[in-house]
Amino acid sequence: MDKIFTYLSLLMGIVFLCMGIGLFILPNTVFADWSPGQRYIMGAVVLLYGGFRLWRARRMLLKSTPKENESSTIEKDEA
């Protein structure tokens, strides 16, 4: 179950990054009623949050996979 949450977090991080980039690239089409200051502030916040989600998902993936050195020392101790 933790793996599913980790991959979902990775996917949502990518979605937030795309939304943040969209706030900068598509300001006149999608966000026409927002002022430029609102778009830039919200875009920066969404980009930072997406980066945080990606960083956290990467850290969780690395933590969940066993390292080769640890598994070999466990097998030596059991023998």
PDB file of N, CA and C in Angstrom:
ATOM      1  N   MET A   1       0.818  -1.192   0.000  1.00  0.00           N
ATOM      2  CA  MET A   1       0.000   0.000   0.000  1.00  0.00           C
ATOM      3  C   MET A   1       0.864   1.258   0.000  1.00  0.00           C
ATOM      4  N   ASP A   2       1.992   1.189   0.679  1.00  0.00           N
ATOM      5  CA  ASP A   2       2.865   2.352   0.711  1.00  0.00           C
ATOM      6  C   ASP A   2       3.442   2.659  -0.665  1.00  0.00           C
ATOM      7  N   LYS A   3       3.708   1.622  -1.458  1.00  0.00           N
ATOM      8  CA  LYS A   3       4.230   1.835  -2.812  1.00  0.00           C
ATOM      9  C   LYS A   3       3.215   2.576  -3.671  1.00  0.00           C
ATOM     10  N   ILE A   4       1.934   2.225  -3.523  1.00  0.00           N
ATOM     11  CA  ILE A   4       0.887   2.884  -4.302  1.00  0.00           C
ATOM     12  C   ILE A   4       0.817   4.357  -3.930  1.00  0.00           C
ATOM     13  N   PHE A   5       0.861   4.664  -2.632  1.00  0.00           N
ATOM     14  CA  PHE A   5       0.837   6.051  -2.187  1.00  0.00           C
ATOM     15  C   PHE A   5       2.048   6.811  -2.701  1.00  0.00           C
ATOM     16  N   THR A   6       3.195   6.159  -2.734  1.00  0.00           N
ATOM     17  CA  THR A   6       4.410   6.808  -3.211  1.00  0.00           C
ATOM     18  C   THR A   6       4.302   7.147  -4.695  1.00  0.00           C
ATOM     19  N   TYR A   7       3.813   6.222  -5.496  1.00  0.00           N
ATOM     20  CA  TYR A   7       3.665   6.497  -6.923  1.00  0.00           C
ATOM     21  C   TYR A   7       2.575   7.537  -7.183  1.00  0.00           C
ATOM     22  N   LEU A   8       1.519   7.527  -6.371  1.00  0.00           N
ATOM     23  CA  LEU A   8       0.490   8.557  -6.498  1.00  0.00           C
ATOM     24  C   LEU A   8       1.066   9.930  -6.144  1.00  0.00           C
ATOM     25  N   SER A   9       1.894   9.981  -5.125  1.00  0.00           N
ATOM     26  CA  SER A   9       2.539  11.236  -4.752  1.00  0.00           C
ATOM     27  C   SER A   9       3.464  11.720  -5.867  1.00  0.00           C
ATOM     28  N   LEU A  10       4.160  10.804  -6.509  1.00  0.00           N
ATOM     29  CA  LEU A  10       5.015  11.152  -7.644  1.00  0.00           C
ATOM     30  C   LEU A  10       4.183  11.711  -8.803  1.00  0.00           C
ATOM     31  N   LEU A  11       3.076  11.065  -9.097  1.00  0.00           N
ATOM     32  CA  LEU A  11       2.192  11.530 -10.161  1.00  0.00           C
ATOM     33  C   LEU A  11       1.617  12.911  -9.840  1.00  0.00           C
ATOM     34  N   MET A  12       1.184  13.109  -8.617  1.00  0.00           N
ATOM     35  CA  MET A  12       0.615  14.407  -8.243  1.00  0.00           C
ATOM     36  C   MET A  12       1.678  15.506  -8.248  1.00  0.00           C
ATOM     37  N   GLY A  13       2.918  15.170  -7.929  1.00  0.00           N
ATOM     38  CA  GLY A  13       3.999  16.141  -8.027  1.00  0.00           C
ATOM     39  C   GLY A  13       4.186  16.613  -9.458  1.00  0.00           C
ATOM     40  N   ILE A  14       4.108  15.676 -10.399  1.00  0.00           N
ATOM     41  CA  ILE A  14       4.224  16.035 -11.817  1.00  0.00           C
ATOM     42  C   ILE A  14       3.042  16.898 -12.241  1.00  0.00           C
ATOM     43  N   VAL A  15       1.841  16.572 -11.750  1.00  0.00           N
ATOM     44  CA  VAL A  15       0.656  17.364 -12.084  1.00  0.00           C
ATOM     45  C   VAL A  15       0.797  18.788 -11.549  1.00  0.00           C
ATOM     46  N   PHE A  16       1.270  18.937 -10.308  1.00  0.00           N
ATOM     47  CA  PHE A  16       1.440  20.269  -9.736  1.00  0.00           C
ATOM     48  C   PHE A  16       2.507  21.065 -10.481  1.00  0.00           C
ATOM     49  N   LEU A  17       3.577  20.396 -10.902  1.00  0.00           N
ATOM     50  CA  LEU A  17       4.588  21.104 -11.688  1.00  0.00           C
ATOM     51  C   LEU A  17       4.007  21.592 -13.016  1.00  0.00           C
ATOM     52  N   CYS A  18       3.216  20.761 -13.664  1.00  0.00           N
ATOM     53  CA  CYS A  18       2.589  21.177 -14.926  1.00  0.00           C
ATOM     54  C   CYS A  18       1.619  22.330 -14.705  1.00  0.00           C
ATOM     55  N   MET A  19       0.871  22.301 -13.609  1.00  0.00           N
ATOM     56  CA  MET A  19      -0.042  23.402 -13.310  1.00  0.00           C
ATOM     57  C   MET A  19       0.722  24.694 -13.050  1.00  0.00           C
ATOM     58  N   GLY A  20       1.833  24.599 -12.322  1.00  0.00           N
ATOM     59  CA  GLY A  20       2.631  25.782 -12.048  1.00  0.00           C
ATOM     60  C   GLY A  20       3.236  26.371 -13.307  1.00  0.00           C
ATOM     61  N   ILE A  21       3.703  25.510 -14.198  1.00  0.00           N
ATOM     62  CA  ILE A  21       4.250  25.982 -15.469  1.00  0.00           C
ATOM     63  C   ILE A  21       3.138  26.591 -16.321  1.00  0.00           C
ATOM     64  N   GLY A  22       1.947  25.983 -16.258  1.00  0.00           N
ATOM     65  CA  GLY A  22       0.814  26.510 -16.999  1.00  0.00           C
ATOM     66  C   GLY A  22       0.415  27.905 -16.546  1.00  0.00           C
ATOM     67  N   LEU A  23       0.581  28.188 -15.271  1.00  0.00           N
ATOM     68  CA  LEU A  23       0.279  29.532 -14.778  1.00  0.00           C
ATOM     69  C   LEU A  23       1.209  30.575 -15.375  1.00  0.00           C
ATOM     70  N   PHE A  24       2.432  30.182 -15.695  1.00  0.00           N
ATOM     71  CA  PHE A  24       3.380  31.115 -16.302  1.00  0.00           C
ATOM     72  C   PHE A  24       3.212  31.185 -17.824  1.00  0.00           C
ATOM     73  N   ILE A  25       2.956  30.051 -18.461  1.00  0.00           N
ATOM     74  CA  ILE A  25       2.943  30.001 -19.926  1.00  0.00           C
ATOM     75  C   ILE A  25       1.598  30.413 -20.517  1.00  0.00           C
ATOM     76  N   LEU A  26       0.486  30.029 -19.892  1.00  0.00           N
ATOM     77  CA  LEU A  26      -0.843  30.261 -20.461  1.00  0.00           C
ATOM     78  C   LEU A  26      -1.644  31.313 -19.683  1.00  0.00           C
ATOM     79  N   PRO A  27      -1.065  32.438 -19.385  1.00  0.00           N
ATOM     80  CA  PRO A  27      -1.798  33.375 -18.528  1.00  0.00           C
ATOM     81  C   PRO A  27      -2.998  34.025 -19.206  1.00  0.00           C
ATOM     82  N   ASN A  28      -2.945  34.259 -20.491  1.00  0.00           N
ATOM     83  CA  ASN A  28      -4.025  34.987 -21.154  1.00  0.00           C
ATOM     84  C   ASN A  28      -5.184  34.099 -21.574  1.00  0.00           C
ATOM     85  N   THR A  29      -4.977  32.805 -21.649  1.00  0.00           N
ATOM     86  CA  THR A  29      -6.049  31.935 -22.114  1.00  0.00           C
ATOM     87  C   THR A  29      -6.838  31.330 -20.956  1.00  0.00           C
ATOM     88  N   VAL A  30      -6.155  30.745 -20.014  1.00  0.00           N
ATOM     89  CA  VAL A  30      -6.833  30.025 -18.937  1.00  0.00           C
ATOM     90  C   VAL A  30      -7.107  30.930 -17.742  1.00  0.00           C
ATOM     91  N   PHE A  31      -6.165  31.771 -17.398  1.00  0.00           N
ATOM     92  CA  PHE A  31      -6.268  32.592 -16.190  1.00  0.00           C
ATOM     93  C   PHE A  31      -6.381  34.069 -16.553  1.00  0.00           C
ATOM     94  N   ALA A  32      -7.295  34.406 -17.435  1.00  0.00           N
ATOM     95  CA  ALA A  32      -7.402  35.774 -17.940  1.00  0.00           C
ATOM     96  C   ALA A  32      -7.905  36.748 -16.886  1.00  0.00           C
ATOM     97  N   ASP A  33      -8.704  36.272 -15.937  1.00  0.00           N
ATOM     98  CA  ASP A  33      -9.269  37.188 -14.956  1.00  0.00           C
ATOM     99  C   ASP A  33      -8.351  37.430 -13.750  1.00  0.00           C
ATOM    100  N   TRP A  34      -7.212  36.772 -13.687  1.00  0.00           N
ATOM    101  CA  TRP A  34      -6.258  36.993 -12.597  1.00  0.00           C
ATOM    102  C   TRP A  34      -5.290  38.097 -12.987  1.00  0.00           C
ATOM    103  N   SER A  35      -4.841  38.846 -12.000  1.00  0.00           N
ATOM    104  CA  SER A  35      -3.816  39.855 -12.271  1.00  0.00           C
ATOM    105  C   SER A  35      -2.467  39.161 -12.447  1.00  0.00           C
ATOM    106  N   PRO A  36      -1.516  39.822 -13.106  1.00  0.00           N
ATOM    107  CA  PRO A  36      -0.201  39.183 -13.290  1.00  0.00           C
ATOM    108  C   PRO A  36       0.478  38.824 -11.973  1.00  0.00           C
ATOM    109  N   GLY A  37       0.327  39.659 -10.965  1.00  0.00           N
ATOM    110  CA  GLY A  37       0.929  39.356  -9.665  1.00  0.00           C
ATOM    111  C   GLY A  37       0.358  38.097  -9.049  1.00  0.00           C
ATOM    112  N   GLN A  38      -0.947  37.926  -9.149  1.00  0.00           N
ATOM    113  CA  GLN A  38      -1.579  36.717  -8.619  1.00  0.00           C
ATOM    114  C   GLN A  38      -1.092  35.474  -9.349  1.00  0.00           C
ATOM    115  N   ARG A  39      -0.979  35.571 -10.669  1.00  0.00           N
ATOM    116  CA  ARG A  39      -0.520  34.412 -11.457  1.00  0.00           C
ATOM    117  C   ARG A  39       0.899  34.023 -11.096  1.00  0.00           C
ATOM    118  N   TYR A  40       1.791  34.998 -10.969  1.00  0.00           N
ATOM    119  CA  TYR A  40       3.190  34.678 -10.678  1.00  0.00           C
ATOM    120  C   TYR A  40       3.360  34.129  -9.263  1.00  0.00           C
ATOM    121  N   ILE A  41       2.662  34.697  -8.308  1.00  0.00           N
ATOM    122  CA  ILE A  41       2.773  34.200  -6.933  1.00  0.00           C
ATOM    123  C   ILE A  41       2.197  32.789  -6.833  1.00  0.00           C
ATOM    124  N   MET A  42       1.016  32.597  -7.399  1.00  0.00           N
ATOM    125  CA  MET A  42       0.398  31.275  -7.344  1.00  0.00           C
ATOM    126  C   MET A  42       1.208  30.250  -8.137  1.00  0.00           C
ATOM    127  N   GLY A  43       1.757  30.651  -9.274  1.00  0.00           N
ATOM    128  CA  GLY A  43       2.594  29.740 -10.048  1.00  0.00           C
ATOM    129  C   GLY A  43       3.835  29.320  -9.289  1.00  0.00           C
ATOM    130  N   ALA A  44       4.464  30.280  -8.589  1.00  0.00           N
ATOM    131  CA  ALA A  44       5.657  29.945  -7.811  1.00  0.00           C
ATOM    132  C   ALA A  44       5.319  29.008  -6.660  1.00  0.00           C
ATOM    133  N   VAL A  45       4.197  29.254  -5.991  1.00  0.00           N
ATOM    134  CA  VAL A  45       3.793  28.389  -4.873  1.00  0.00           C
ATOM    135  C   VAL A  45       3.489  26.975  -5.365  1.00  0.00           C
ATOM    136  N   VAL A  46       2.776  26.874  -6.470  1.00  0.00           N
ATOM    137  CA  VAL A  46       2.417  25.552  -7.008  1.00  0.00           C
ATOM    138  C   VAL A  46       3.668  24.821  -7.497  1.00  0.00           C
ATOM    139  N   LEU A  47       4.608  25.529  -8.099  1.00  0.00           N
ATOM    140  CA  LEU A  47       5.867  24.906  -8.526  1.00  0.00           C
ATOM    141  C   LEU A  47       6.664  24.399  -7.323  1.00  0.00           C
ATOM    142  N   LEU A  48       6.734  25.194  -6.272  1.00  0.00           N
ATOM    143  CA  LEU A  48       7.448  24.756  -5.070  1.00  0.00           C
ATOM    144  C   LEU A  48       6.781  23.536  -4.448  1.00  0.00           C
ATOM    145  N   TYR A  49       5.455  23.544  -4.388  1.00  0.00           N
ATOM    146  CA  TYR A  49       4.746  22.407  -3.815  1.00  0.00           C
ATOM    147  C   TYR A  49       4.933  21.150  -4.675  1.00  0.00           C
ATOM    148  N   GLY A  50       4.899  21.300  -5.982  1.00  0.00           N
ATOM    149  CA  GLY A  50       5.140  20.153  -6.862  1.00  0.00           C
ATOM    150  C   GLY A  50       6.547  19.609  -6.703  1.00  0.00           C
ATOM    151  N   GLY A  51       7.525  20.503  -6.567  1.00  0.00           N
ATOM    152  CA  GLY A  51       8.898  20.060  -6.325  1.00  0.00           C
ATOM    153  C   GLY A  51       9.032  19.326  -5.002  1.00  0.00           C
ATOM    154  N   PHE A  52       8.329  19.818  -3.984  1.00  0.00           N
ATOM    155  CA  PHE A  52       8.341  19.143  -2.688  1.00  0.00           C
ATOM    156  C   PHE A  52       7.732  17.757  -2.789  1.00  0.00           C
ATOM    157  N   ARG A  53       6.617  17.632  -3.516  1.00  0.00           N
ATOM    158  CA  ARG A  53       5.976  16.323  -3.664  1.00  0.00           C
ATOM    159  C   ARG A  53       6.897  15.343  -4.385  1.00  0.00           C
ATOM    160  N   LEU A  54       7.599  15.810  -5.422  1.00  0.00           N
ATOM    161  CA  LEU A  54       8.539  14.940  -6.136  1.00  0.00           C
ATOM    162  C   LEU A  54       9.700  14.535  -5.236  1.00  0.00           C
ATOM    163  N   TRP A  55      10.229  15.487  -4.480  1.00  0.00           N
ATOM    164  CA  TRP A  55      11.342  15.189  -3.574  1.00  0.00           C
ATOM    165  C   TRP A  55      10.924  14.164  -2.527  1.00  0.00           C
ATOM    166  N   ARG A  56       9.724  14.356  -1.961  1.00  0.00           N
ATOM    167  CA  ARG A  56       9.248  13.430  -0.932  1.00  0.00           C
ATOM    168  C   ARG A  56       8.996  12.047  -1.516  1.00  0.00           C
ATOM    169  N   ALA A  57       8.422  11.954  -2.712  1.00  0.00           N
ATOM    170  CA  ALA A  57       8.170  10.655  -3.339  1.00  0.00           C
ATOM    171  C   ALA A  57       9.485   9.952  -3.652  1.00  0.00           C
ATOM    172  N   ARG A  58      10.468  10.692  -4.129  1.00  0.00           N
ATOM    173  CA  ARG A  58      11.779  10.094  -4.425  1.00  0.00           C
ATOM    174  C   ARG A  58      12.428   9.557  -3.152  1.00  0.00           C
ATOM    175  N   ARG A  59      12.335  10.338  -2.078  1.00  0.00           N
ATOM    176  CA  ARG A  59      12.908   9.912  -0.804  1.00  0.00           C
ATOM    177  C   ARG A  59      12.200   8.664  -0.289  1.00  0.00           C
ATOM    178  N   MET A  60      10.868   8.608  -0.433  1.00  0.00           N
ATOM    179  CA  MET A  60      10.126   7.438   0.021  1.00  0.00           C
ATOM    180  C   MET A  60      10.448   6.215  -0.828  1.00  0.00           C
ATOM    181  N   LEU A  61      10.637   6.398  -2.142  1.00  0.00           N
ATOM    182  CA  LEU A  61      11.001   5.269  -3.004  1.00  0.00           C
ATOM    183  C   LEU A  61      12.380   4.728  -2.649  1.00  0.00           C
ATOM    184  N   LEU A  62      13.324   5.626  -2.408  1.00  0.00           N
ATOM    185  CA  LEU A  62      14.670   5.180  -2.053  1.00  0.00           C
ATOM    186  C   LEU A  62      14.691   4.492  -0.696  1.00  0.00           C
ATOM    187  N   LYS A  63      13.869   4.952   0.210  1.00  0.00           N
ATOM    188  CA  LYS A  63      13.818   4.345   1.542  1.00  0.00           C
ATOM    189  C   LYS A  63      13.168   2.973   1.506  1.00  0.00           C
ATOM    190  N   SER A  64      12.196   2.769   0.602  1.00  0.00           N
ATOM    191  CA  SER A  64      11.462   1.510   0.562  1.00  0.00           C
ATOM    192  C   SER A  64      12.227   0.398  -0.145  1.00  0.00           C
ATOM    193  N   THR A  65      13.177   0.745  -1.014  1.00  0.00           N
ATOM    194  CA  THR A  65      13.932  -0.298  -1.713  1.00  0.00           C
ATOM    195  C   THR A  65      15.124  -0.709  -0.864  1.00  0.00           C
ATOM    196  N   PRO A  66      15.306  -2.011  -0.632  1.00  0.00           N
ATOM    197  CA  PRO A  66      16.454  -2.452   0.167  1.00  0.00           C
ATOM    198  C   PRO A  66      17.753  -2.277  -0.606  1.00  0.00           C
ATOM    199  N   LYS A  67      18.768  -1.897   0.109  1.00  0.00           N
ATOM    200  CA  LYS A  67      20.073  -1.715  -0.520  1.00  0.00           C
ATOM    201  C   LYS A  67      20.780  -3.059  -0.628  1.00  0.00           C
ATOM    202  N   GLU A  68      21.623  -3.194  -1.634  1.00  0.00           N
ATOM    203  CA  GLU A  68      22.310  -4.468  -1.868  1.00  0.00           C
ATOM    204  C   GLU A  68      23.261  -4.800  -0.728  1.00  0.00           C
ATOM    205  N   ASN A  69      23.940  -3.816  -0.185  1.00  0.00           N
ATOM    206  CA  ASN A  69      24.896  -4.073   0.893  1.00  0.00           C
ATOM    207  C   ASN A  69      24.201  -4.559   2.157  1.00  0.00           C
ATOM    208  N   GLU A  70      23.047  -4.026   2.474  1.00  0.00           N
ATOM    209  CA  GLU A  70      22.339  -4.441   3.676  1.00  0.00           C
ATOM    210  C   GLU A  70      21.855  -5.873   3.562  1.00  0.00           C
ATOM    211  N   SER A  71      21.364  -6.277   2.398  1.00  0.00           N
ATOM    212  CA  SER A  71      20.853  -7.636   2.248  1.00  0.00           C
ATOM    213  C   SER A  71      21.989  -8.657   2.313  1.00  0.00           C
ATOM    214  N   SER A  72      23.160  -8.317   1.816  1.00  0.00           N
ATOM    215  CA  SER A  72      24.262  -9.266   1.863  1.00  0.00           C
ATOM    216  C   SER A  72      24.791  -9.420   3.284  1.00  0.00           C
ATOM    217  N   THR A  73      24.785  -8.367   4.092  1.00  0.00           N
ATOM    218  CA  THR A  73      25.245  -8.507   5.473  1.00  0.00           C
ATOM    219  C   THR A  73      24.242  -9.278   6.312  1.00  0.00           C
ATOM    220  N   ILE A  74      22.952  -9.155   6.015  1.00  0.00           N
ATOM    221  CA  ILE A  74      21.940  -9.920   6.751  1.00  0.00           C
ATOM    222  C   ILE A  74      22.103 -11.402   6.440  1.00  0.00           C
ATOM    223  N   GLU A  75      22.363 -11.750   5.177  1.00  0.00           N
ATOM    224  CA  GLU A  75      22.525 -13.157   4.815  1.00  0.00           C
ATOM    225  C   GLU A  75      23.770 -13.741   5.454  1.00  0.00           C
ATOM    226  N   LYS A  76      24.849 -12.953   5.583  1.00  0.00           N
ATOM    227  CA  LYS A  76      26.070 -13.450   6.222  1.00  0.00           C
ATOM    228  C   LYS A  76      25.845 -13.690   7.695  1.00  0.00           C
ATOM    229  N   ASP A  77      25.068 -12.842   8.358  1.00  0.00           N
ATOM    230  CA  ASP A  77      24.815 -12.995   9.784  1.00  0.00           C
ATOM    231  C   ASP A  77      23.959 -14.220  10.063  1.00  0.00           C
ATOM    232  N   GLU A  78      23.039 -14.552   9.179  1.00  0.00           N
ATOM    233  CA  GLU A  78      22.182 -15.712   9.385  1.00  0.00           C
ATOM    234  C   GLU A  78      22.929 -17.016   9.169  1.00  0.00           C
ATOM    235  N   ALA A  79      23.962 -17.013   8.366  1.00  0.00           N
ATOM    236  CA  ALA A  79      24.699 -18.249   8.053  1.00  0.00           C
ATOM    237  C   ALA A  79      25.636 -18.655   9.140  1.00  0.00           C
TER     238      ALA A  79
END
